């Protein structure tokens, strides 16, 4: 049983701050996505909620 512990070093290597891998590198180019506002393409389920709130 003791030999199984040292044989599983892969688990520890996987815990080497995995949160740093999915870093949103597209955060700076957010300004380029701003022109999408005029489209105002709201999904159907969201539109229903909006109309209910307005009434």
Protein backbone atom coordinates (compact mmCIF):
# COMPACT_ATOMS: atom_id res chain seq x y z
CA UNK A 1 0.00 0.00 0.00
CA UNK A 2 2.84 2.39 0.82
CA UNK A 3 4.26 1.89 -2.68
CA UNK A 4 1.03 3.24 -4.20
CA UNK A 5 1.49 6.68 -2.64
CA UNK A 6 4.86 7.48 -4.27
CA UNK A 7 3.56 6.01 -7.54
CA UNK A 8 0.87 8.71 -7.78
CA UNK A 9 2.94 11.88 -8.20
CA UNK A 10 0.79 12.79 -11.21
CA UNK A 11 -2.05 13.92 -8.96
CA UNK A 12 0.22 16.40 -7.19
CA UNK A 13 1.65 17.75 -10.45
CA UNK A 14 -1.92 18.35 -11.65
CA UNK A 15 -2.58 20.55 -8.61
CA UNK A 16 0.16 23.00 -9.64
CA UNK A 17 -2.19 26.01 -9.74
CA UNK A 18 -4.43 24.87 -12.63
CA UNK A 19 -6.37 28.13 -12.31
CA UNK A 20 -3.51 29.94 -14.05
CA UNK A 21 -4.08 27.91 -17.23
CA UNK A 22 -7.59 29.23 -18.16
CA UNK A 23 -6.47 32.87 -17.94
CA UNK A 24 -8.82 35.09 -19.98
CA UNK A 25 -6.30 36.50 -22.44
CA UNK A 26 -9.15 38.10 -24.41
CA UNK A 27 -9.81 40.62 -21.63
CA UNK A 28 -7.87 43.50 -23.24
CA UNK A 29 -9.63 43.25 -26.65
CA UNK A 30 -12.99 43.77 -24.90
CA UNK A 31 -13.07 47.26 -26.46
CA UNK A 32 -13.37 45.60 -29.88
CA UNK A 33 -16.52 43.77 -28.74
CA UNK A 34 -18.22 47.04 -27.71
CA UNK A 35 -19.57 47.69 -31.26
CA UNK A 36 -21.76 44.61 -30.72
CA UNK A 37 -24.13 46.70 -28.57
CA UNK A 38 -26.15 48.13 -31.50
CA UNK A 39 -27.07 44.56 -32.49
CA UNK A 40 -29.15 44.09 -29.28
CA UNK A 41 -29.77 40.42 -30.11
CA UNK A 42 -31.49 39.26 -26.92
CA UNK A 43 -32.42 35.56 -26.62
CA UNK A 44 -36.13 34.72 -26.54
CA UNK A 45 -36.15 33.62 -22.90
CA UNK A 46 -34.46 36.89 -21.89
CA UNK A 47 -36.84 39.00 -23.99
CA UNK A 48 -39.86 37.47 -22.24
CA UNK A 49 -38.47 38.43 -18.83
CA UNK A 50 -37.78 41.97 -20.02
CA UNK A 51 -41.30 42.49 -21.37
CA UNK A 52 -42.81 41.22 -18.13
CA UNK A 53 -40.70 43.65 -16.09
CA UNK A 54 -41.70 46.61 -18.30
CA UNK A 55 -45.45 45.95 -18.00
